[in-house]
Amino acid sequence: MNTPSPTPTDSYGGLVIGGTKIERPATVVGFAYERTRNIAVSAVSAVSAVIHGTYDATLLVLAYIALTLEAAPV
């Protein structure tokens, strides 16, 4: 079976998406620190971002599993 090799645009797209996913929360946490000059506020923002990211990742994995099992031949 021939599998297509990845093209340069595939890796660049992943790089852009990954960079955006890292940059946006970092900007929010940095803004919270600049506004309050309180590291505790920034820590709460960072923790909430990690919790939200974990929740999103869990939903993605569960959706993938559900769709994969549903499409499996019986």
PDB file of N, CA and C in Angstrom:
ATOM      1  N   MET A   1       0.831  -1.167   0.000  1.00  0.00           N
ATOM      2  CA  MET A   1       0.000   0.000   0.000  1.00  0.00           C
ATOM      3  C   MET A   1       0.886   1.244   0.000  1.00  0.00           C
ATOM      4  N   ASN A   2       0.611   2.152  -0.902  1.00  0.00           N
ATOM      5  CA  ASN A   2       1.362   3.406  -0.950  1.00  0.00           C
ATOM      6  C   ASN A   2       0.691   4.450  -0.073  1.00  0.00           C
ATOM      7  N   THR A   3       1.462   5.001   0.822  1.00  0.00           N
ATOM      8  CA  THR A   3       0.939   6.082   1.640  1.00  0.00           C
ATOM      9  C   THR A   3       1.576   7.381   1.167  1.00  0.00           C
ATOM     10  N   PRO A   4       0.787   8.418   1.053  1.00  0.00           N
ATOM     11  CA  PRO A   4       1.357   9.683   0.574  1.00  0.00           C
ATOM     12  C   PRO A   4       2.318  10.267   1.601  1.00  0.00           C
ATOM     13  N   SER A   5       3.399  10.801   1.096  1.00  0.00           N
ATOM     14  CA  SER A   5       4.357  11.421   2.004  1.00  0.00           C
ATOM     15  C   SER A   5       3.859  12.808   2.383  1.00  0.00           C
ATOM     16  N   PRO A   6       4.190  13.239   3.590  1.00  0.00           N
ATOM     17  CA  PRO A   6       3.720  14.563   4.004  1.00  0.00           C
ATOM     18  C   PRO A   6       4.369  15.658   3.164  1.00  0.00           C
ATOM     19  N   THR A   7       3.604  16.659   2.882  1.00  0.00           N
ATOM     20  CA  THR A   7       4.123  17.797   2.124  1.00  0.00           C
ATOM     21  C   THR A   7       4.592  18.879   3.097  1.00  0.00           C
ATOM     22  N   PRO A   8       5.430  19.792   2.635  1.00  0.00           N
ATOM     23  CA  PRO A   8       5.891  20.860   3.538  1.00  0.00           C
ATOM     24  C   PRO A   8       4.754  21.686   4.122  1.00  0.00           C
ATOM     25  N   THR A   9       3.659  21.840   3.365  1.00  0.00           N
ATOM     26  CA  THR A   9       2.550  22.642   3.894  1.00  0.00           C
ATOM     27  C   THR A   9       1.866  21.945   5.062  1.00  0.00           C
ATOM     28  N   ASP A  10       1.897  20.614   5.095  1.00  0.00           N
ATOM     29  CA  ASP A  10       1.301  19.897   6.225  1.00  0.00           C
ATOM     30  C   ASP A  10       2.012  20.262   7.517  1.00  0.00           C
ATOM     31  N   SER A  11       3.329  20.236   7.505  1.00  0.00           N
ATOM     32  CA  SER A  11       4.063  20.527   8.725  1.00  0.00           C
ATOM     33  C   SER A  11       3.983  22.009   9.083  1.00  0.00           C
ATOM     34  N   TYR A  12       3.937  22.889   8.091  1.00  0.00           N
ATOM     35  CA  TYR A  12       3.819  24.310   8.389  1.00  0.00           C
ATOM     36  C   TYR A  12       2.465  24.627   9.009  1.00  0.00           C
ATOM     37  N   GLY A  13       1.425  23.979   8.515  1.00  0.00           N
ATOM     38  CA  GLY A  13       0.091  24.197   9.083  1.00  0.00           C
ATOM     39  C   GLY A  13       0.039  23.766  10.537  1.00  0.00           C
ATOM     40  N   GLY A  14       0.641  22.622  10.836  1.00  0.00           N
ATOM     41  CA  GLY A  14       0.693  22.163  12.217  1.00  0.00           C
ATOM     42  C   GLY A  14       1.501  23.095  13.089  1.00  0.00           C
ATOM     43  N   LEU A  15       2.569  23.631  12.531  1.00  0.00           N
ATOM     44  CA  LEU A  15       3.408  24.568  13.279  1.00  0.00           C
ATOM     45  C   LEU A  15       2.644  25.849  13.596  1.00  0.00           C
ATOM     46  N   VAL A  16       1.903  26.348  12.629  1.00  0.00           N
ATOM     47  CA  VAL A  16       1.127  27.571  12.847  1.00  0.00           C
ATOM     48  C   VAL A  16       0.030  27.330  13.879  1.00  0.00           C
ATOM     49  N   ILE A  17      -0.677  26.226  13.751  1.00  0.00           N
ATOM     50  CA  ILE A  17      -1.750  25.923  14.703  1.00  0.00           C
ATOM     51  C   ILE A  17      -1.181  25.709  16.099  1.00  0.00           C
ATOM     52  N   GLY A  18      -0.089  24.957  16.197  1.00  0.00           N
ATOM     53  CA  GLY A  18       0.529  24.727  17.503  1.00  0.00           C
ATOM     54  C   GLY A  18       1.036  26.005  18.128  1.00  0.00           C
ATOM     55  N   GLY A  19       1.641  26.859  17.330  1.00  0.00           N
ATOM     56  CA  GLY A  19       2.127  28.137  17.844  1.00  0.00           C
ATOM     57  C   GLY A  19       0.994  29.025  18.315  1.00  0.00           C
ATOM     58  N   THR A  20      -0.098  29.008  17.594  1.00  0.00           N
ATOM     59  CA  THR A  20      -1.255  29.811  17.981  1.00  0.00           C
ATOM     60  C   THR A  20      -1.854  29.307  19.283  1.00  0.00           C
ATOM     61  N   LYS A  21      -1.913  27.986  19.430  1.00  0.00           N
ATOM     62  CA  LYS A  21      -2.489  27.418  20.649  1.00  0.00           C
ATOM     63  C   LYS A  21      -1.625  27.736  21.873  1.00  0.00           C
ATOM     64  N   ILE A  22      -0.346  27.933  21.677  1.00  0.00           N
ATOM     65  CA  ILE A  22       0.537  28.280  22.790  1.00  0.00           C
ATOM     66  C   ILE A  22       0.530  29.791  23.013  1.00  0.00           C
ATOM     67  N   GLU A  23       0.478  30.544  21.945  1.00  0.00           N
ATOM     68  CA  GLU A  23       0.608  32.001  22.040  1.00  0.00           C
ATOM     69  C   GLU A  23      -0.603  32.664  22.692  1.00  0.00           C
ATOM     70  N   ARG A  24      -1.793  32.228  22.354  1.00  0.00           N
ATOM     71  CA  ARG A  24      -2.990  32.883  22.887  1.00  0.00           C
ATOM     72  C   ARG A  24      -3.094  32.779  24.407  1.00  0.00           C
ATOM     73  N   PRO A  25      -2.977  31.577  25.006  1.00  0.00           N
ATOM     74  CA  PRO A  25      -3.040  31.531  26.478  1.00  0.00           C
ATOM     75  C   PRO A  25      -1.903  32.310  27.139  1.00  0.00           C
ATOM     76  N   ALA A  26      -0.724  32.281  26.554  1.00  0.00           N
ATOM     77  CA  ALA A  26       0.399  33.024  27.119  1.00  0.00           C
ATOM     78  C   ALA A  26       0.114  34.521  27.088  1.00  0.00           C
ATOM     79  N   THR A  27      -0.535  34.997  26.045  1.00  0.00           N
ATOM     80  CA  THR A  27      -0.898  36.405  25.961  1.00  0.00           C
ATOM     81  C   THR A  27      -1.913  36.773  27.031  1.00  0.00           C
ATOM     82  N   VAL A  28      -2.898  35.921  27.252  1.00  0.00           N
ATOM     83  CA  VAL A  28      -3.914  36.182  28.276  1.00  0.00           C
ATOM     84  C   VAL A  28      -3.279  36.223  29.660  1.00  0.00           C
ATOM     85  N   VAL A  29      -2.415  35.255  29.967  1.00  0.00           N
ATOM     86  CA  VAL A  29      -1.766  35.217  31.274  1.00  0.00           C
ATOM     87  C   VAL A  29      -0.855  36.437  31.443  1.00  0.00           C
ATOM     88  N   GLY A  30      -0.117  36.800  30.418  1.00  0.00           N
ATOM     89  CA  GLY A  30       0.734  37.983  30.483  1.00  0.00           C
ATOM     90  C   GLY A  30      -0.068  39.256  30.678  1.00  0.00           C
ATOM     91  N   PHE A  31      -1.193  39.352  30.003  1.00  0.00           N
ATOM     92  CA  PHE A  31      -2.062  40.523  30.161  1.00  0.00           C
ATOM     93  C   PHE A  31      -2.616  40.597  31.574  1.00  0.00           C
ATOM     94  N   ALA A  32      -3.024  39.437  32.129  1.00  0.00           N
ATOM     95  CA  ALA A  32      -3.541  39.424  33.500  1.00  0.00           C
ATOM     96  C   ALA A  32      -2.476  39.883  34.487  1.00  0.00           C
ATOM     97  N   TYR A  33      -1.245  39.464  34.273  1.00  0.00           N
ATOM     98  CA  TYR A  33      -0.165  39.897  35.171  1.00  0.00           C
ATOM     99  C   TYR A  33       0.106  41.394  35.018  1.00  0.00           C
ATOM    100  N   GLU A  34       0.129  41.880  33.795  1.00  0.00           N
ATOM    101  CA  GLU A  34       0.398  43.300  33.567  1.00  0.00           C
ATOM    102  C   GLU A  34      -0.687  44.185  34.176  1.00  0.00           C
ATOM    103  N   ARG A  35      -1.938  43.738  34.099  1.00  0.00           N
ATOM    104  CA  ARG A  35      -3.037  44.534  34.649  1.00  0.00           C
ATOM    105  C   ARG A  35      -3.004  44.578  36.173  1.00  0.00           C
ATOM    106  N   THR A  36      -2.674  43.447  36.810  1.00  0.00           N
ATOM    107  CA  THR A  36      -2.796  43.348  38.264  1.00  0.00           C
ATOM    108  C   THR A  36      -1.457  43.416  38.983  1.00  0.00           C
ATOM    109  N   ARG A  37      -0.367  43.112  38.288  1.00  0.00           N
ATOM    110  CA  ARG A  37       0.964  42.984  38.912  1.00  0.00           C
ATOM    111  C   ARG A  37       0.919  41.995  40.073  1.00  0.00           C
ATOM    112  N   ASN A  38       0.068  40.978  39.919  1.00  0.00           N
ATOM    113  CA  ASN A  38      -0.095  39.962  40.947  1.00  0.00           C
ATOM    114  C   ASN A  38       0.125  38.602  40.293  1.00  0.00           C
ATOM    115  N   ILE A  39       1.139  37.910  40.733  1.00  0.00           N
ATOM    116  CA  ILE A  39       1.470  36.613  40.132  1.00  0.00           C
ATOM    117  C   ILE A  39       0.398  35.573  40.424  1.00  0.00           C
ATOM    118  N   ALA A  40      -0.333  35.735  41.541  1.00  0.00           N
ATOM    119  CA  ALA A  40      -1.394  34.777  41.871  1.00  0.00           C
ATOM    120  C   ALA A  40      -2.505  34.817  40.831  1.00  0.00           C
ATOM    121  N   VAL A  41      -2.847  35.997  40.351  1.00  0.00           N
ATOM    122  CA  VAL A  41      -3.872  36.118  39.314  1.00  0.00           C
ATOM    123  C   VAL A  41      -3.398  35.426  38.045  1.00  0.00           C
ATOM    124  N   SER A  42      -2.132  35.603  37.707  1.00  0.00           N
ATOM    125  CA  SER A  42      -1.577  34.947  36.523  1.00  0.00           C
ATOM    126  C   SER A  42      -1.572  33.437  36.693  1.00  0.00           C
ATOM    127  N   ALA A  43      -1.253  32.968  37.905  1.00  0.00           N
ATOM    128  CA  ALA A  43      -1.233  31.526  38.159  1.00  0.00           C
ATOM    129  C   ALA A  43      -2.628  30.935  38.022  1.00  0.00           C
ATOM    130  N   VAL A  44      -3.628  31.656  38.511  1.00  0.00           N
ATOM    131  CA  VAL A  44      -5.007  31.171  38.378  1.00  0.00           C
ATOM    132  C   VAL A  44      -5.395  31.122  36.909  1.00  0.00           C
ATOM    133  N   SER A  45      -4.999  32.128  36.139  1.00  0.00           N
ATOM    134  CA  SER A  45      -5.289  32.126  34.707  1.00  0.00           C
ATOM    135  C   SER A  45      -4.603  30.951  34.015  1.00  0.00           C
ATOM    136  N   ALA A  46      -3.355  30.691  34.402  1.00  0.00           N
ATOM    137  CA  ALA A  46      -2.609  29.592  33.785  1.00  0.00           C
ATOM    138  C   ALA A  46      -3.230  28.247  34.137  1.00  0.00           C
ATOM    139  N   VAL A  47      -3.620  28.079  35.398  1.00  0.00           N
ATOM    140  CA  VAL A  47      -4.232  26.812  35.818  1.00  0.00           C
ATOM    141  C   VAL A  47      -5.560  26.607  35.108  1.00  0.00           C
ATOM    142  N   SER A  48      -6.359  27.653  34.986  1.00  0.00           N
ATOM    143  CA  SER A  48      -7.632  27.501  34.295  1.00  0.00           C
ATOM    144  C   SER A  48      -7.417  27.177  32.812  1.00  0.00           C
ATOM    145  N   ALA A  49      -6.367  27.718  32.221  1.00  0.00           N
ATOM    146  CA  ALA A  49      -6.061  27.396  30.821  1.00  0.00           C
ATOM    147  C   ALA A  49      -5.663  25.932  30.669  1.00  0.00           C
ATOM    148  N   VAL A  50      -4.886  25.416  31.605  1.00  0.00           N
ATOM    149  CA  VAL A  50      -4.486  24.004  31.555  1.00  0.00           C
ATOM    150  C   VAL A  50      -5.696  23.101  31.739  1.00  0.00           C
ATOM    151  N   ILE A  51      -6.565  23.444  32.680  1.00  0.00           N
ATOM    152  CA  ILE A  51      -7.774  22.643  32.903  1.00  0.00           C
ATOM    153  C   ILE A  51      -8.647  22.653  31.648  1.00  0.00           C
ATOM    154  N   HIS A  52      -8.825  23.811  31.050  1.00  0.00           N
ATOM    155  CA  HIS A  52      -9.635  23.914  29.841  1.00  0.00           C
ATOM    156  C   HIS A  52      -9.014  23.115  28.696  1.00  0.00           C
ATOM    157  N   GLY A  53      -7.697  23.195  28.544  1.00  0.00           N
ATOM    158  CA  GLY A  53      -7.019  22.420  27.502  1.00  0.00           C
ATOM    159  C   GLY A  53      -7.149  20.926  27.709  1.00  0.00           C
ATOM    160  N   THR A  54      -7.058  20.488  28.960  1.00  0.00           N
ATOM    161  CA  THR A  54      -7.216  19.072  29.279  1.00  0.00           C
ATOM    162  C   THR A  54      -8.631  18.609  28.961  1.00  0.00           C
ATOM    163  N   TYR A  55      -9.604  19.430  29.291  1.00  0.00           N
ATOM    164  CA  TYR A  55     -11.003  19.116  28.989  1.00  0.00           C
ATOM    165  C   TYR A  55     -11.209  18.982  27.481  1.00  0.00           C
ATOM    166  N   ASP A  56     -10.681  19.937  26.723  1.00  0.00           N
ATOM    167  CA  ASP A  56     -10.811  19.887  25.262  1.00  0.00           C
ATOM    168  C   ASP A  56     -10.136  18.645  24.684  1.00  0.00           C
ATOM    169  N   ALA A  57      -8.952  18.320  25.196  1.00  0.00           N
ATOM    170  CA  ALA A  57      -8.238  17.136  24.707  1.00  0.00           C
ATOM    171  C   ALA A  57      -9.017  15.867  25.018  1.00  0.00           C
ATOM    172  N   THR A  58      -9.618  15.806  26.197  1.00  0.00           N
ATOM    173  CA  THR A  58     -10.418  14.640  26.565  1.00  0.00           C
ATOM    174  C   THR A  58     -11.616  14.483  25.641  1.00  0.00           C
ATOM    175  N   LEU A  59     -12.304  15.581  25.361  1.00  0.00           N
ATOM    176  CA  LEU A  59     -13.444  15.517  24.439  1.00  0.00           C
ATOM    177  C   LEU A  59     -13.015  15.067  23.047  1.00  0.00           C
ATOM    178  N   LEU A  60     -11.879  15.550  22.594  1.00  0.00           N
ATOM    179  CA  LEU A  60     -11.381  15.168  21.281  1.00  0.00           C
ATOM    180  C   LEU A  60     -11.078  13.671  21.218  1.00  0.00           C
ATOM    181  N   VAL A  61     -10.427  13.157  22.241  1.00  0.00           N
ATOM    182  CA  VAL A  61     -10.094  11.728  22.273  1.00  0.00           C
ATOM    183  C   VAL A  61     -11.368  10.887  22.329  1.00  0.00           C
ATOM    184  N   LEU A  62     -12.320  11.275  23.163  1.00  0.00           N
ATOM    185  CA  LEU A  62     -13.571  10.513  23.262  1.00  0.00           C
ATOM    186  C   LEU A  62     -14.361  10.556  21.958  1.00  0.00           C
ATOM    187  N   ALA A  63     -14.375  11.698  21.290  1.00  0.00           N
ATOM    188  CA  ALA A  63     -15.066  11.784  19.999  1.00  0.00           C
ATOM    189  C   ALA A  63     -14.378  10.904  18.963  1.00  0.00           C
ATOM    190  N   TYR A  64     -13.051  10.904  18.963  1.00  0.00           N
ATOM    191  CA  TYR A  64     -12.307  10.062  18.024  1.00  0.00           C
ATOM    192  C   TYR A  64     -12.613   8.584  18.270  1.00  0.00           C
ATOM    193  N   ILE A  65     -12.601   8.179  19.530  1.00  0.00           N
ATOM    194  CA  ILE A  65     -12.886   6.780  19.867  1.00  0.00           C
ATOM    195  C   ILE A  65     -14.303   6.411  19.456  1.00  0.00           C
ATOM    196  N   ALA A  66     -15.259   7.281  19.752  1.00  0.00           N
ATOM    197  CA  ALA A  66     -16.651   6.999  19.400  1.00  0.00           C
ATOM    198  C   ALA A  66     -16.822   6.870  17.889  1.00  0.00           C
ATOM    199  N   LEU A  67     -16.200   7.760  17.140  1.00  0.00           N
ATOM    200  CA  LEU A  67     -16.337   7.709  15.690  1.00  0.00           C
ATOM    201  C   LEU A  67     -15.597   6.512  15.091  1.00  0.00           C
ATOM    202  N   THR A  68     -14.471   6.155  15.682  1.00  0.00           N
ATOM    203  CA  THR A  68     -13.707   5.020  15.184  1.00  0.00           C
ATOM    204  C   THR A  68     -14.444   3.715  15.455  1.00  0.00           C
ATOM    205  N   LEU A  69     -15.006   3.567  16.626  1.00  0.00           N
ATOM    206  CA  LEU A  69     -15.745   2.351  16.950  1.00  0.00           C
ATOM    207  C   LEU A  69     -17.028   2.242  16.141  1.00  0.00           C
ATOM    208  N   GLU A  70     -17.657   3.370  15.883  1.00  0.00           N
ATOM    209  CA  GLU A  70     -18.892   3.370  15.119  1.00  0.00           C
ATOM    210  C   GLU A  70     -18.633   2.975  13.667  1.00  0.00           C
ATOM    211  N   ALA A  71     -17.493   3.362  13.129  1.00  0.00           N
ATOM    212  CA  ALA A  71     -17.198   3.098  11.728  1.00  0.00           C
ATOM    213  C   ALA A  71     -16.529   1.725  11.515  1.00  0.00           C
ATOM    214  N   ALA A  72     -16.207   1.032  12.601  1.00  0.00           N
ATOM    215  CA  ALA A  72     -15.518  -0.260  12.482  1.00  0.00           C
ATOM    216  C   ALA A  72     -16.482  -1.303  11.907  1.00  0.00           C
ATOM    217  N   PRO A  73     -15.990  -2.123  10.969  1.00  0.00           N
ATOM    218  CA  PRO A  73     -16.865  -3.158  10.414  1.00  0.00           C
ATOM    219  C   PRO A  73     -17.139  -4.244  11.457  1.00  0.00           C
ATOM    220  N   VAL A  74     -18.322  -4.770  11.411  1.00  0.00           N
ATOM    221  CA  VAL A  74     -18.721  -5.797  12.386  1.00  0.00           C
ATOM    222  C   VAL A  74     -18.646  -7.163  11.767  1.00  0.00           C
TER     223      VAL A  74
END
